[in-house]
All heavy atoms as atom14 arrays in JSON, in Angstrom:
{
  "sequence": "IKKDLSQLTANEAVKTRRFYYLWIMLFINVTCGIAILSAAKPLA",
  "atom14_mask": [
    [1, 1, 1, 1, 1, 1, 1, 1, 0, 0, 0, 0, 0, 0],
    [1, 1, 1, 1, 1, 1, 1, 1, 1, 0, 0, 0, 0, 0],
    [1, 1, 1, 1, 1, 1, 1, 1, 1, 0, 0, 0, 0, 0],
    [1, 1, 1, 1, 1, 1, 1, 1, 0, 0, 0, 0, 0, 0],
    [1, 1, 1, 1, 1, 1, 1, 1, 0, 0, 0, 0, 0, 0],
    [1, 1, 1, 1, 1, 1, 0, 0, 0, 0, 0, 0, 0, 0],
    [1, 1, 1, 1, 1, 1, 1, 1, 1, 0, 0, 0, 0, 0],
    [1, 1, 1, 1, 1, 1, 1, 1, 0, 0, 0, 0, 0, 0],
    [1, 1, 1, 1, 1, 1, 1, 0, 0, 0, 0, 0, 0, 0],
    [1, 1, 1, 1, 1, 0, 0, 0, 0, 0, 0, 0, 0, 0],
    [1, 1, 1, 1, 1, 1, 1, 1, 0, 0, 0, 0, 0, 0],
    [1, 1, 1, 1, 1, 1, 1, 1, 1, 0, 0, 0, 0, 0],
    [1, 1, 1, 1, 1, 0, 0, 0, 0, 0, 0, 0, 0, 0],
    [1, 1, 1, 1, 1, 1, 1, 0, 0, 0, 0, 0, 0, 0],
    [1, 1, 1, 1, 1, 1, 1, 1, 1, 0, 0, 0, 0, 0],
    [1, 1, 1, 1, 1, 1, 1, 0, 0, 0, 0, 0, 0, 0],
    [1, 1, 1, 1, 1, 1, 1, 1, 1, 1, 1, 0, 0, 0],
    [1, 1, 1, 1, 1, 1, 1, 1, 1, 1, 1, 0, 0, 0],
    [1, 1, 1, 1, 1, 1, 1, 1, 1, 1, 1, 0, 0, 0],
    [1, 1, 1, 1, 1, 1, 1, 1, 1, 1, 1, 1, 0, 0],
    [1, 1, 1, 1, 1, 1, 1, 1, 1, 1, 1, 1, 0, 0],
    [1, 1, 1, 1, 1, 1, 1, 1, 0, 0, 0, 0, 0, 0],
    [1, 1, 1, 1, 1, 1, 1, 1, 1, 1, 1, 1, 1, 1],
    [1, 1, 1, 1, 1, 1, 1, 1, 0, 0, 0, 0, 0, 0],
    [1, 1, 1, 1, 1, 1, 1, 1, 0, 0, 0, 0, 0, 0],
    [1, 1, 1, 1, 1, 1, 1, 1, 0, 0, 0, 0, 0, 0],
    [1, 1, 1, 1, 1, 1, 1, 1, 1, 1, 1, 0, 0, 0],
    [1, 1, 1, 1, 1, 1, 1, 1, 0, 0, 0, 0, 0, 0],
    [1, 1, 1, 1, 1, 1, 1, 1, 0, 0, 0, 0, 0, 0],
    [1, 1, 1, 1, 1, 1, 1, 0, 0, 0, 0, 0, 0, 0],
    [1, 1, 1, 1, 1, 1, 1, 0, 0, 0, 0, 0, 0, 0],
    [1, 1, 1, 1, 1, 1, 0, 0, 0, 0, 0, 0, 0, 0],
    [1, 1, 1, 1, 0, 0, 0, 0, 0, 0, 0, 0, 0, 0],
    [1, 1, 1, 1, 1, 1, 1, 1, 0, 0, 0, 0, 0, 0],
    [1, 1, 1, 1, 1, 0, 0, 0, 0, 0, 0, 0, 0, 0],
    [1, 1, 1, 1, 1, 1, 1, 1, 0, 0, 0, 0, 0, 0],
    [1, 1, 1, 1, 1, 1, 1, 1, 0, 0, 0, 0, 0, 0],
    [1, 1, 1, 1, 1, 1, 0, 0, 0, 0, 0, 0, 0, 0],
    [1, 1, 1, 1, 1, 0, 0, 0, 0, 0, 0, 0, 0, 0],
    [1, 1, 1, 1, 1, 0, 0, 0, 0, 0, 0, 0, 0, 0],
    [1, 1, 1, 1, 1, 1, 1, 1, 1, 0, 0, 0, 0, 0],
    [1, 1, 1, 1, 1, 1, 1, 0, 0, 0, 0, 0, 0, 0],
    [1, 1, 1, 1, 1, 1, 1, 1, 0, 0, 0, 0, 0, 0],
    [1, 1, 1, 1, 1, 0, 0, 0, 0, 0, 0, 0, 0, 0]
  ],
  "atom14_positions": [
    [[-24.88, -6.22, -35.44], [-24.65, -6.5, -34.12], [-25.58, -7.73, -33.78], [-26.76, -7.64, -33.94], [-25.01, -5.28, -33.27], [-24.16, -4.08, -33.57], [-24.85, -5.63, -31.75], [-24.42, -2.9, -32.71], [0.0, 0.0, 0.0], [0.0, 0.0, 0.0], [0.0, 0.0, 0.0], [0.0, 0.0, 0.0], [0.0, 0.0, 0.0], [0.0, 0.0, 0.0]],
    [[-24.95, -8.7, -33.13], [-25.67, -9.83, -32.67], [-26.39, -9.41, -31.35], [-25.69, -9.06, -30.38], [-24.77, -11.06, -32.49], [-25.6, -12.31, -32.16], [-24.66, -13.52, -32.12], [-25.48, -14.74, -31.8], [-24.69, -16.03, -31.69], [0.0, 0.0, 0.0], [0.0, 0.0, 0.0], [0.0, 0.0, 0.0], [0.0, 0.0, 0.0], [0.0, 0.0, 0.0]],
    [[-27.62, -9.47, -31.28], [-28.35, -9.05, -30.11], [-28.21, -10.01, -28.97], [-28.09, -11.22, -29.2], [-29.8, -8.9, -30.39], [-30.17, -7.65, -31.28], [-31.7, -7.66, -31.51], [-32.44, -7.2, -30.24], [-33.93, -7.04, -30.36], [0.0, 0.0, 0.0], [0.0, 0.0, 0.0], [0.0, 0.0, 0.0], [0.0, 0.0, 0.0], [0.0, 0.0, 0.0]],
    [[-28.12, -9.52, -27.77], [-28.09, -10.37, -26.54], [-29.49, -11.15, -26.53], [-30.49, -10.7, -26.97], [-27.91, -9.58, -25.32], [-26.61, -8.79, -25.31], [-25.66, -9.31, -25.83], [-26.58, -7.69, -24.77], [0.0, 0.0, 0.0], [0.0, 0.0, 0.0], [0.0, 0.0, 0.0], [0.0, 0.0, 0.0], [0.0, 0.0, 0.0], [0.0, 0.0, 0.0]],
    [[-29.31, -12.28, -26.0], [-30.5, -13.21, -26.03], [-31.57, -12.79, -25.1], [-32.79, -13.13, -25.16], [-30.09, -14.67, -25.67], [-29.25, -15.36, -26.76], [-28.78, -16.73, -26.22], [-29.97, -15.48, -28.06], [0.0, 0.0, 0.0], [0.0, 0.0, 0.0], [0.0, 0.0, 0.0], [0.0, 0.0, 0.0], [0.0, 0.0, 0.0], [0.0, 0.0, 0.0]],
    [[-31.28, -11.93, -24.11], [-32.22, -11.36, -23.18], [-31.65, -10.24, -22.42], [-30.42, -9.93, -22.56], [-32.71, -12.38, -22.17], [-31.56, -12.93, -21.41], [0.0, 0.0, 0.0], [0.0, 0.0, 0.0], [0.0, 0.0, 0.0], [0.0, 0.0, 0.0], [0.0, 0.0, 0.0], [0.0, 0.0, 0.0], [0.0, 0.0, 0.0], [0.0, 0.0, 0.0]],
    [[-32.49, -9.36, -21.73], [-31.97, -8.37, -20.81], [-32.56, -8.62, -19.47], [-33.78, -8.2, -19.23], [-32.4, -7.01, -21.35], [-31.59, -6.56, -22.59], [-30.11, -6.32, -22.32], [-29.76, -5.93, -21.25], [-29.33, -6.37, -23.33], [0.0, 0.0, 0.0], [0.0, 0.0, 0.0], [0.0, 0.0, 0.0], [0.0, 0.0, 0.0], [0.0, 0.0, 0.0]],
    [[-31.86, -9.27, -18.63], [-32.49, -9.72, -17.32], [-31.69, -9.03, -16.17], [-30.48, -8.7, -16.25], [-32.28, -11.2, -17.15], [-32.98, -12.09, -18.2], [-32.83, -13.61, -17.75], [-34.42, -11.76, -18.4], [0.0, 0.0, 0.0], [0.0, 0.0, 0.0], [0.0, 0.0, 0.0], [0.0, 0.0, 0.0], [0.0, 0.0, 0.0], [0.0, 0.0, 0.0]],
    [[-32.42, -8.89, -15.1], [-31.74, -8.46, -13.8], [-31.13, -9.7, -13.27], [-31.32, -10.85, -13.63], [-32.76, -7.89, -12.82], [-33.68, -8.98, -12.44], [-33.6, -6.67, -13.4], [0.0, 0.0, 0.0], [0.0, 0.0, 0.0], [0.0, 0.0, 0.0], [0.0, 0.0, 0.0], [0.0, 0.0, 0.0], [0.0, 0.0, 0.0], [0.0, 0.0, 0.0]],
    [[-30.24, -9.49, -12.25], [-29.58, -10.59, -11.57], [-30.6, -11.51, -10.9], [-30.42, -12.7, -10.99], [-28.62, -10.02, -10.55], [0.0, 0.0, 0.0], [0.0, 0.0, 0.0], [0.0, 0.0, 0.0], [0.0, 0.0, 0.0], [0.0, 0.0, 0.0], [0.0, 0.0, 0.0], [0.0, 0.0, 0.0], [0.0, 0.0, 0.0], [0.0, 0.0, 0.0]],
    [[-31.66, -11.01, -10.26], [-32.54, -11.84, -9.61], [-33.4, -12.63, -10.68], [-33.93, -13.68, -10.33], [-33.54, -11.01, -8.73], [-32.8, -10.45, -7.52], [-31.69, -10.91, -7.1], [-33.22, -9.34, -7.01], [0.0, 0.0, 0.0], [0.0, 0.0, 0.0], [0.0, 0.0, 0.0], [0.0, 0.0, 0.0], [0.0, 0.0, 0.0], [0.0, 0.0, 0.0]],
    [[-33.59, -12.12, -11.82], [-34.27, -12.85, -12.87], [-33.34, -13.96, -13.47], [-33.84, -15.0, -13.76], [-34.76, -11.9, -13.94], [-35.98, -10.96, -13.57], [-36.18, -9.9, -14.63], [-35.25, -9.54, -15.43], [-37.27, -9.26, -14.59], [0.0, 0.0, 0.0], [0.0, 0.0, 0.0], [0.0, 0.0, 0.0], [0.0, 0.0, 0.0], [0.0, 0.0, 0.0]],
    [[-32.13, -13.6, -13.56], [-31.17, -14.5, -14.17], [-31.0, -15.81, -13.39], [-30.9, -16.93, -13.95], [-29.78, -13.83, -14.33], [0.0, 0.0, 0.0], [0.0, 0.0, 0.0], [0.0, 0.0, 0.0], [0.0, 0.0, 0.0], [0.0, 0.0, 0.0], [0.0, 0.0, 0.0], [0.0, 0.0, 0.0], [0.0, 0.0, 0.0], [0.0, 0.0, 0.0]],
    [[-30.97, -15.7, -12.08], [-30.79, -16.87, -11.2], [-32.0, -17.87, -11.27], [-31.88, -19.01, -10.78], [-30.55, -16.5, -9.73], [-29.2, -15.75, -9.57], [-31.6, -15.7, -9.1], [0.0, 0.0, 0.0], [0.0, 0.0, 0.0], [0.0, 0.0, 0.0], [0.0, 0.0, 0.0], [0.0, 0.0, 0.0], [0.0, 0.0, 0.0], [0.0, 0.0, 0.0]],
    [[-33.06, -17.48, -11.85], [-34.28, -18.33, -12.02], [-34.22, -19.06, -13.29], [-35.16, -19.87, -13.63], [-35.53, -17.48, -11.89], [-35.71, -16.8, -10.6], [-36.89, -15.83, -10.6], [-37.05, -15.12, -9.23], [-38.11, -14.11, -9.18], [0.0, 0.0, 0.0], [0.0, 0.0, 0.0], [0.0, 0.0, 0.0], [0.0, 0.0, 0.0], [0.0, 0.0, 0.0]],
    [[-33.16, -18.88, -14.12], [-33.07, -19.54, -15.45], [-32.18, -20.72, -15.37], [-31.25, -20.81, -14.56], [-32.65, -18.62, -16.49], [-31.29, -18.2, -16.18], [-33.39, -17.43, -16.59], [0.0, 0.0, 0.0], [0.0, 0.0, 0.0], [0.0, 0.0, 0.0], [0.0, 0.0, 0.0], [0.0, 0.0, 0.0], [0.0, 0.0, 0.0], [0.0, 0.0, 0.0]],
    [[-32.37, -21.65, -16.28], [-31.52, -22.92, -16.36], [-30.09, -22.51, -16.78], [-29.1, -23.1, -16.32], [-32.11, -23.91, -17.38], [-33.28, -24.76, -16.74], [-33.83, -25.64, -17.83], [-34.34, -24.94, -18.95], [-35.03, -25.44, -20.01], [-35.21, -26.76, -20.05], [-35.54, -24.65, -20.91], [0.0, 0.0, 0.0], [0.0, 0.0, 0.0], [0.0, 0.0, 0.0]],
    [[-30.07, -21.61, -17.77], [-28.72, -21.28, -18.28], [-27.78, -20.65, -17.3], [-26.52, -20.7, -17.45], [-28.84, -20.35, -19.55], [-29.6, -19.01, -19.35], [-29.92, -18.45, -20.76], [-30.51, -17.11, -20.63], [-31.81, -16.98, -20.5], [-32.52, -17.97, -20.27], [-32.29, -15.71, -20.4], [0.0, 0.0, 0.0], [0.0, 0.0, 0.0], [0.0, 0.0, 0.0]],
    [[-28.31, -19.99, -16.33], [-27.44, -19.49, -15.2], [-26.71, -20.63, -14.56], [-25.47, -20.55, -14.32], [-28.3, -18.68, -14.17], [-27.5, -18.26, -12.92], [-26.89, -17.09, -12.94], [-27.39, -19.1, -11.84], [-26.11, -16.64, -11.84], [-26.66, -18.7, -10.75], [-25.98, -17.46, -10.73], [0.0, 0.0, 0.0], [0.0, 0.0, 0.0], [0.0, 0.0, 0.0]],
    [[-27.49, -21.75, -14.26], [-26.87, -22.85, -13.53], [-25.95, -23.62, -14.46], [-25.02, -24.22, -14.02], [-27.98, -23.7, -12.93], [-28.65, -22.89, -11.81], [-29.89, -22.24, -12.17], [-28.05, -22.76, -10.56], [-30.5, -21.45, -11.11], [-28.68, -21.95, -9.63], [-29.86, -21.34, -9.87], [-30.52, -20.56, -8.94], [0.0, 0.0, 0.0], [0.0, 0.0, 0.0]],
    [[-26.21, -23.64, -15.78], [-25.35, -24.19, -16.74], [-23.98, -23.58, -16.69], [-22.94, -24.18, -16.6], [-25.93, -24.13, -18.2], [-27.08, -25.0, -18.39], [-28.02, -24.64, -19.45], [-27.36, -26.18, -17.71], [-29.21, -25.45, -19.7], [-28.5, -26.97, -18.0], [-29.43, -26.6, -18.95], [-30.52, -27.41, -19.22], [0.0, 0.0, 0.0], [0.0, 0.0, 0.0]],
    [[-23.99, -22.18, -16.74], [-22.74, -21.45, -16.63], [-22.02, -21.67, -15.35], [-20.79, -21.87, -15.25], [-22.99, -19.98, -16.75], [-23.41, -19.33, -18.2], [-23.3, -17.91, -18.18], [-22.58, -19.97, -19.23], [0.0, 0.0, 0.0], [0.0, 0.0, 0.0], [0.0, 0.0, 0.0], [0.0, 0.0, 0.0], [0.0, 0.0, 0.0], [0.0, 0.0, 0.0]],
    [[-22.8, -21.73, -14.19], [-22.19, -21.96, -12.84], [-21.45, -23.31, -12.8], [-20.34, -23.42, -12.38], [-23.3, -21.88, -11.79], [-22.75, -21.71, -10.41], [-22.75, -20.58, -9.74], [-22.29, -22.79, -9.49], [-22.24, -20.77, -8.5], [-21.94, -22.13, -8.27], [-22.16, -24.1, -9.64], [-21.43, -22.89, -7.18], [-21.6, -24.85, -8.57], [-21.19, -24.2, -7.35]],
    [[-22.15, -24.34, -13.31], [-21.58, -25.71, -13.32], [-20.28, -25.75, -14.2], [-19.28, -26.35, -13.83], [-22.6, -26.75, -13.76], [-23.65, -26.92, -12.7], [-21.85, -28.11, -13.94], [-24.92, -27.69, -13.25], [0.0, 0.0, 0.0], [0.0, 0.0, 0.0], [0.0, 0.0, 0.0], [0.0, 0.0, 0.0], [0.0, 0.0, 0.0], [0.0, 0.0, 0.0]],
    [[-20.38, -25.17, -15.35], [-19.22, -25.18, -16.29], [-18.0, -24.49, -15.67], [-16.87, -25.01, -15.76], [-19.58, -24.5, -17.61], [-20.46, -25.35, -18.45], [-20.56, -24.76, -20.22], [-21.38, -23.16, -20.11], [0.0, 0.0, 0.0], [0.0, 0.0, 0.0], [0.0, 0.0, 0.0], [0.0, 0.0, 0.0], [0.0, 0.0, 0.0], [0.0, 0.0, 0.0]],
    [[-18.2, -23.36, -14.99], [-17.12, -22.62, -14.41], [-16.67, -23.39, -13.15], [-15.4, -23.48, -12.98], [-17.57, -21.16, -13.99], [-16.4, -20.29, -13.4], [-15.43, -20.0, -14.35], [-17.0, -18.95, -12.81], [0.0, 0.0, 0.0], [0.0, 0.0, 0.0], [0.0, 0.0, 0.0], [0.0, 0.0, 0.0], [0.0, 0.0, 0.0], [0.0, 0.0, 0.0]],
    [[-17.53, -23.92, -12.42], [-17.14, -24.71, -11.18], [-16.18, -25.82, -11.55], [-15.12, -26.03, -10.95], [-18.4, -25.15, -10.5], [-18.06, -26.1, -9.29], [-17.6, -25.6, -8.16], [-18.23, -27.45, -9.42], [-17.27, -26.48, -7.09], [-17.91, -28.3, -8.34], [-17.41, -27.75, -7.16], [0.0, 0.0, 0.0], [0.0, 0.0, 0.0], [0.0, 0.0, 0.0]],
    [[-16.61, -26.57, -12.62], [-15.75, -27.76, -12.95], [-14.46, -27.38, -13.56], [-13.41, -27.94, -13.2], [-16.57, -28.66, -13.94], [-17.78, -29.32, -13.25], [-15.68, -29.72, -14.51], [-18.66, -30.21, -14.15], [0.0, 0.0, 0.0], [0.0, 0.0, 0.0], [0.0, 0.0, 0.0], [0.0, 0.0, 0.0], [0.0, 0.0, 0.0], [0.0, 0.0, 0.0]],
    [[-14.52, -26.32, -14.43], [-13.24, -25.89, -14.94], [-12.23, -25.39, -13.92], [-11.07, -25.67, -13.97], [-13.48, -24.76, -16.03], [-12.38, -24.54, -16.94], [-11.97, -25.51, -17.69], [-11.81, -23.37, -16.95], [0.0, 0.0, 0.0], [0.0, 0.0, 0.0], [0.0, 0.0, 0.0], [0.0, 0.0, 0.0], [0.0, 0.0, 0.0], [0.0, 0.0, 0.0]],
    [[-12.77, -24.65, -12.94], [-11.91, -24.04, -11.85], [-11.49, -25.14, -10.87], [-10.36, -25.22, -10.47], [-12.66, -22.94, -11.14], [-11.78, -22.42, -9.94], [-12.89, -21.8, -12.16], [0.0, 0.0, 0.0], [0.0, 0.0, 0.0], [0.0, 0.0, 0.0], [0.0, 0.0, 0.0], [0.0, 0.0, 0.0], [0.0, 0.0, 0.0], [0.0, 0.0, 0.0]],
    [[-12.47, -26.15, -10.54], [-12.06, -27.22, -9.61], [-10.88, -27.92, -10.07], [-9.91, -28.2, -9.36], [-13.35, -28.09, -9.33], [-14.35, -27.35, -8.74], [-12.94, -29.19, -8.49], [0.0, 0.0, 0.0], [0.0, 0.0, 0.0], [0.0, 0.0, 0.0], [0.0, 0.0, 0.0], [0.0, 0.0, 0.0], [0.0, 0.0, 0.0], [0.0, 0.0, 0.0]],
    [[-11.0, -28.4, -11.31], [-9.92, -29.28, -11.95], [-8.72, -28.46, -12.11], [-7.55, -28.9, -11.83], [-10.4, -29.87, -13.18], [-11.92, -30.8, -13.02], [0.0, 0.0, 0.0], [0.0, 0.0, 0.0], [0.0, 0.0, 0.0], [0.0, 0.0, 0.0], [0.0, 0.0, 0.0], [0.0, 0.0, 0.0], [0.0, 0.0, 0.0], [0.0, 0.0, 0.0]],
    [[-8.83, -27.19, -12.6], [-7.64, -26.41, -12.89], [-6.93, -25.99, -11.61], [-5.66, -26.01, -11.6], [0.0, 0.0, 0.0], [0.0, 0.0, 0.0], [0.0, 0.0, 0.0], [0.0, 0.0, 0.0], [0.0, 0.0, 0.0], [0.0, 0.0, 0.0], [0.0, 0.0, 0.0], [0.0, 0.0, 0.0], [0.0, 0.0, 0.0], [0.0, 0.0, 0.0]],
    [[-7.62, -25.56, -10.62], [-7.01, -25.14, -9.35], [-6.38, -26.32, -8.6], [-5.32, -26.14, -7.94], [-8.05, -24.36, -8.46], [-7.29, -23.22, -7.73], [-8.84, -25.32, -7.53], [-8.21, -22.19, -7.13], [0.0, 0.0, 0.0], [0.0, 0.0, 0.0], [0.0, 0.0, 0.0], [0.0, 0.0, 0.0], [0.0, 0.0, 0.0], [0.0, 0.0, 0.0]],
    [[-6.97, -27.5, -8.82], [-6.32, -28.7, -8.18], [-4.95, -28.95, -8.83], [-3.93, -29.28, -8.14], [-7.27, -29.92, -8.38], [0.0, 0.0, 0.0], [0.0, 0.0, 0.0], [0.0, 0.0, 0.0], [0.0, 0.0, 0.0], [0.0, 0.0, 0.0], [0.0, 0.0, 0.0], [0.0, 0.0, 0.0], [0.0, 0.0, 0.0], [0.0, 0.0, 0.0]],
    [[-4.84, -28.77, -10.09], [-3.6, -28.93, -10.81], [-2.66, -27.84, -10.41], [-1.44, -28.08, -10.16], [-3.87, -28.77, -12.46], [-4.45, -30.08, -12.9], [-2.54, -28.48, -13.13], [-3.38, -31.24, -13.01], [0.0, 0.0, 0.0], [0.0, 0.0, 0.0], [0.0, 0.0, 0.0], [0.0, 0.0, 0.0], [0.0, 0.0, 0.0], [0.0, 0.0, 0.0]],
    [[-3.08, -26.6, -10.26], [-2.26, -25.48, -9.82], [-1.75, -25.7, -8.43], [-0.5, -25.47, -8.2], [-2.97, -24.19, -9.79], [-2.99, -23.24, -11.06], [-3.66, -23.88, -12.25], [-3.59, -21.92, -10.77], [0.0, 0.0, 0.0], [0.0, 0.0, 0.0], [0.0, 0.0, 0.0], [0.0, 0.0, 0.0], [0.0, 0.0, 0.0], [0.0, 0.0, 0.0]],
    [[-2.48, -26.22, -7.59], [-2.11, -26.54, -6.16], [-1.15, -27.63, -6.07], [-0.32, -27.76, -5.13], [-3.33, -26.7, -5.3], [-3.91, -27.87, -5.59], [0.0, 0.0, 0.0], [0.0, 0.0, 0.0], [0.0, 0.0, 0.0], [0.0, 0.0, 0.0], [0.0, 0.0, 0.0], [0.0, 0.0, 0.0], [0.0, 0.0, 0.0], [0.0, 0.0, 0.0]],
    [[-1.14, -28.61, -7.03], [-0.26, -29.74, -6.93], [0.67, -29.92, -8.12], [1.28, -30.94, -8.25], [-1.29, -31.05, -6.91], [0.0, 0.0, 0.0], [0.0, 0.0, 0.0], [0.0, 0.0, 0.0], [0.0, 0.0, 0.0], [0.0, 0.0, 0.0], [0.0, 0.0, 0.0], [0.0, 0.0, 0.0], [0.0, 0.0, 0.0], [0.0, 0.0, 0.0]],
    [[0.83, -28.82, -8.9], [1.66, -28.93, -10.12], [3.06, -29.42, -9.76], [3.68, -30.18, -10.49], [1.64, -27.66, -10.92], [0.0, 0.0, 0.0], [0.0, 0.0, 0.0], [0.0, 0.0, 0.0], [0.0, 0.0, 0.0], [0.0, 0.0, 0.0], [0.0, 0.0, 0.0], [0.0, 0.0, 0.0], [0.0, 0.0, 0.0], [0.0, 0.0, 0.0]],
    [[3.68, -28.82, -8.77], [5.1, -29.02, -8.4], [5.25, -30.46, -8.0], [6.06, -31.2, -8.61], [5.49, -28.04, -7.28], [7.01, -28.05, -7.01], [7.38, -26.9, -6.2], [8.79, -26.91, -5.64], [8.91, -27.91, -4.51], [0.0, 0.0, 0.0], [0.0, 0.0, 0.0], [0.0, 0.0, 0.0], [0.0, 0.0, 0.0], [0.0, 0.0, 0.0]],
    [[4.57, -31.0, -6.92], [4.78, -32.38, -6.66], [4.38, -33.4, -7.77], [4.96, -34.44, -7.84], [3.83, -32.58, -5.35], [2.92, -31.47, -5.33], [3.7, -30.31, -6.05], [0.0, 0.0, 0.0], [0.0, 0.0, 0.0], [0.0, 0.0, 0.0], [0.0, 0.0, 0.0], [0.0, 0.0, 0.0], [0.0, 0.0, 0.0], [0.0, 0.0, 0.0]],
    [[3.29, -32.99, -8.51], [2.91, -33.84, -9.69], [3.98, -34.03, -10.65], [4.29, -35.11, -11.1], [1.64, -33.26, -10.31], [0.99, -34.06, -11.44], [0.41, -35.33, -10.88], [-0.09, -33.19, -12.05], [0.0, 0.0, 0.0], [0.0, 0.0, 0.0], [0.0, 0.0, 0.0], [0.0, 0.0, 0.0], [0.0, 0.0, 0.0], [0.0, 0.0, 0.0]],
    [[4.7, -32.89, -10.95], [5.74, -32.97, -11.96], [6.96, -33.77, -11.33], [7.65, -34.54, -12.07], [6.26, -31.55, -12.29], [0.0, 0.0, 0.0], [0.0, 0.0, 0.0], [0.0, 0.0, 0.0], [0.0, 0.0, 0.0], [0.0, 0.0, 0.0], [0.0, 0.0, 0.0], [0.0, 0.0, 0.0], [0.0, 0.0, 0.0], [0.0, 0.0, 0.0]]
  ]
}
């Protein structure tokens, strides 16, 4: 079993850099994807 890299509470997690890395990655993926979803019909 590959061990989890840490066992943190939510309040501890938001103090780490990797929390914000995940937030930025999800934000960009969703921002671009949802823009395509909202405009797919007229774009096509």
